[in-house]
Amino acid sequence: MVLPLNPNFTKTQTFIPVMQKIEHIGIAVRSLGSSVPLFEKLLNSRCYKTEKVETENVNTAFFRTGDTKIELLESLEADGVIARFIEKKGEGLHHIAFDVSDIKAEMKRLKDEGFVLLNDEPKQGADNKLICFVHPKHTNGVLIELCQEK
């Protein structure tokens, strides 16, 4: 089945993808101490980086598998966003992050398209990135992160 294009998208418009690739997949975990060895075995890959991200109140651990990165997220606080996510949904897929070349332009484009962003300005994220999140209520329940290399 072929789905019709957005009726607001005219034939004279140029479709230029701005979300260039999946930058990483974020997975919420209770403990990096137990999850890092588990994912090292699963992916047959060593954790190449851990980082504390104060702006998100998380500790992170990164893995590479092919061209994709996996980010494990552990809450720094009992009532932090990741801790609340795990309490509600359990450990597992938290978000999908897309690499963008101009995060402010992409934020504006998404707002103009009617998406709700969780922050008005890009903020410092892990792995030397500027980040912004798109509210999952507007993306079929999937939390989307935009990432731009600083």
Protein backbone atom coordinates (compact mmCIF):
# COMPACT_ATOMS: atom_id res chain seq x y z
CA MET A 1 0.00 0.00 0.00
CA VAL A 2 1.34 3.43 -0.93
CA LEU A 3 0.37 6.21 1.42
CA PRO A 4 -0.46 9.63 -0.02
CA LEU A 5 1.93 12.49 0.58
CA ASN A 6 1.05 15.25 2.97
CA PRO A 7 -1.61 17.32 1.14
CA ASN A 8 0.08 20.52 2.37
CA PHE A 9 3.29 19.51 0.57
CA THR A 10 3.17 20.96 -2.94
CA LYS A 11 4.97 19.64 -6.01
CA THR A 12 6.96 22.86 -6.19
CA GLN A 13 8.46 22.32 -2.74
CA THR A 14 11.80 20.59 -2.46
CA PHE A 15 11.98 17.73 0.00
CA ILE A 16 15.32 17.99 1.77
CA PRO A 17 15.78 15.58 4.66
CA VAL A 18 17.19 17.44 7.63
CA MET A 19 17.28 14.50 10.00
CA GLN A 20 20.41 13.04 8.45
CA LYS A 21 20.71 9.72 10.27
CA ILE A 22 19.89 7.99 13.51
CA GLU A 23 22.51 9.40 15.86
CA HIS A 24 21.76 6.98 18.68
CA ILE A 25 19.09 4.93 20.42
CA GLY A 26 18.55 5.74 24.09
CA ILE A 27 17.71 2.96 26.55
CA ALA A 28 16.60 3.68 30.12
CA VAL A 29 18.23 1.42 32.72
CA ARG A 30 18.11 1.22 36.49
CA SER A 31 21.84 0.64 36.87
CA LEU A 32 24.79 1.20 34.57
CA GLY A 33 26.75 -1.11 36.87
CA SER A 34 24.68 -4.11 35.83
CA SER A 35 23.58 -2.90 32.38
CA VAL A 36 27.00 -2.07 30.90
CA PRO A 37 28.30 -5.67 31.22
CA LEU A 38 24.98 -6.98 29.88
CA PHE A 39 25.17 -4.77 26.76
CA GLU A 40 28.88 -5.52 26.29
CA LYS A 41 27.96 -9.20 26.05
CA LEU A 42 24.87 -8.57 23.93
CA LEU A 43 26.58 -6.27 21.42
CA ASN A 44 29.99 -7.95 21.66
CA SER A 45 31.38 -4.44 22.02
CA ARG A 46 33.05 -2.53 24.83
CA CYS A 47 31.47 0.56 26.35
CA TYR A 48 33.61 3.32 24.83
CA LYS A 49 32.47 6.24 26.95
CA THR A 50 30.60 7.12 30.12
CA GLU A 51 29.47 10.63 30.94
CA LYS A 52 27.46 12.48 33.57
CA VAL A 53 24.96 14.87 31.93
CA GLU A 54 23.89 17.42 34.53
CA THR A 55 21.27 19.07 32.27
CA GLU A 56 19.36 15.78 32.06
CA ASN A 57 20.26 14.42 35.55
CA VAL A 58 21.63 11.19 34.08
CA ASN A 59 24.74 9.07 33.81
CA THR A 60 25.23 7.68 30.32
CA ALA A 61 27.21 4.85 28.76
CA PHE A 62 27.82 4.59 25.00
CA PHE A 63 28.35 1.63 22.69
CA ARG A 64 28.92 1.38 18.95
CA THR A 65 27.47 -1.30 16.76
CA GLY A 66 28.16 -0.68 13.10
CA ASP A 67 27.27 2.94 12.34
CA THR A 68 24.79 3.11 15.23
CA LYS A 69 25.37 4.20 18.80
CA ILE A 70 23.47 2.89 21.80
CA GLU A 71 23.16 5.17 24.84
CA LEU A 72 22.25 3.71 28.23
CA LEU A 73 20.68 6.24 30.60
CA GLU A 74 20.71 5.91 34.40
CA SER A 75 18.91 8.47 36.57
CA LEU A 76 20.99 10.50 39.01
CA GLU A 77 17.94 11.13 41.20
CA ALA A 78 15.15 8.92 42.54
CA ASP A 79 12.57 11.32 41.05
CA GLY A 80 14.49 12.15 37.85
CA VAL A 81 12.97 11.88 34.37
CA ILE A 82 14.59 8.49 33.69
CA ALA A 83 13.62 7.13 37.12
CA ARG A 84 9.99 8.21 36.54
CA PHE A 85 10.06 6.69 33.04
CA ILE A 86 11.28 3.34 34.45
CA GLU A 87 8.70 3.47 37.25
CA LYS A 88 5.90 3.96 34.69
CA LYS A 89 7.11 1.81 31.76
CA GLY A 90 10.03 -0.27 33.02
CA GLU A 91 13.52 -0.38 31.61
CA GLY A 92 13.81 -0.19 27.85
CA LEU A 93 13.64 2.00 24.79
CA HIS A 94 13.52 5.63 25.87
CA HIS A 95 14.20 7.66 22.71
CA ILE A 96 15.54 7.74 19.18
CA ALA A 97 17.97 10.55 18.41
CA PHE A 98 18.51 12.03 14.96
CA ASP A 99 21.57 13.92 13.79
CA VAL A 100 20.77 17.36 12.37
CA SER A 101 23.14 19.92 10.88
CA ASP A 102 21.25 23.00 12.17
CA ILE A 103 19.27 22.27 15.33
CA LYS A 104 17.70 25.73 15.60
CA ALA A 105 16.44 25.59 12.00
CA GLU A 106 15.06 22.08 12.58
CA MET A 107 13.37 23.19 15.81
CA LYS A 108 11.71 26.05 13.92
CA ARG A 109 10.64 23.74 11.08
CA LEU A 110 9.07 21.27 13.51
CA LYS A 111 7.27 24.04 15.44
CA ASP A 112 5.95 25.43 12.16
CA GLU A 113 4.67 21.91 11.33
CA GLY A 114 2.76 21.83 14.64
CA PHE A 115 5.05 19.65 16.73
CA VAL A 116 5.52 20.47 20.41
CA LEU A 117 9.11 20.69 21.62
CA LEU A 118 10.09 19.97 25.22
CA ASN A 119 12.57 22.84 25.29
CA ASP A 120 12.57 26.24 23.60
CA GLU A 121 16.31 26.40 23.06
CA PRO A 122 18.91 23.69 22.42
CA LYS A 123 20.70 22.53 25.55
CA GLN A 124 23.92 20.70 26.31
CA GLY A 125 23.60 16.94 25.98
CA ALA A 126 25.99 14.02 26.14
CA ASP A 127 28.80 13.38 23.67
CA ASN A 128 29.44 17.09 22.90
CA LYS A 129 25.98 17.60 21.38
CA LEU A 130 23.33 20.29 21.48
CA ILE A 131 19.97 18.59 21.97
CA CYS A 132 16.22 19.17 21.89
CA PHE A 133 13.34 16.74 22.42
CA VAL A 134 10.05 16.50 20.53
CA HIS A 135 7.06 15.64 22.73
CA PRO A 136 6.07 11.98 22.26
CA LYS A 137 2.35 12.83 22.24
CA HIS A 138 2.96 14.29 18.78
CA THR A 139 5.12 11.44 17.43
CA ASN A 140 2.99 8.34 18.03
CA GLY A 141 4.41 7.85 21.53
CA VAL A 142 8.08 7.90 20.51
CA LEU A 143 10.33 10.46 22.20
CA ILE A 144 12.47 12.02 19.45
CA GLU A 145 15.75 13.77 20.20
CA LEU A 146 17.48 16.15 17.82
CA CYS A 147 21.30 16.23 18.12
CA GLN A 148 23.80 18.63 16.63
CA GLU A 149 27.55 18.34 17.03
CA LYS A 150 28.90 21.41 18.85
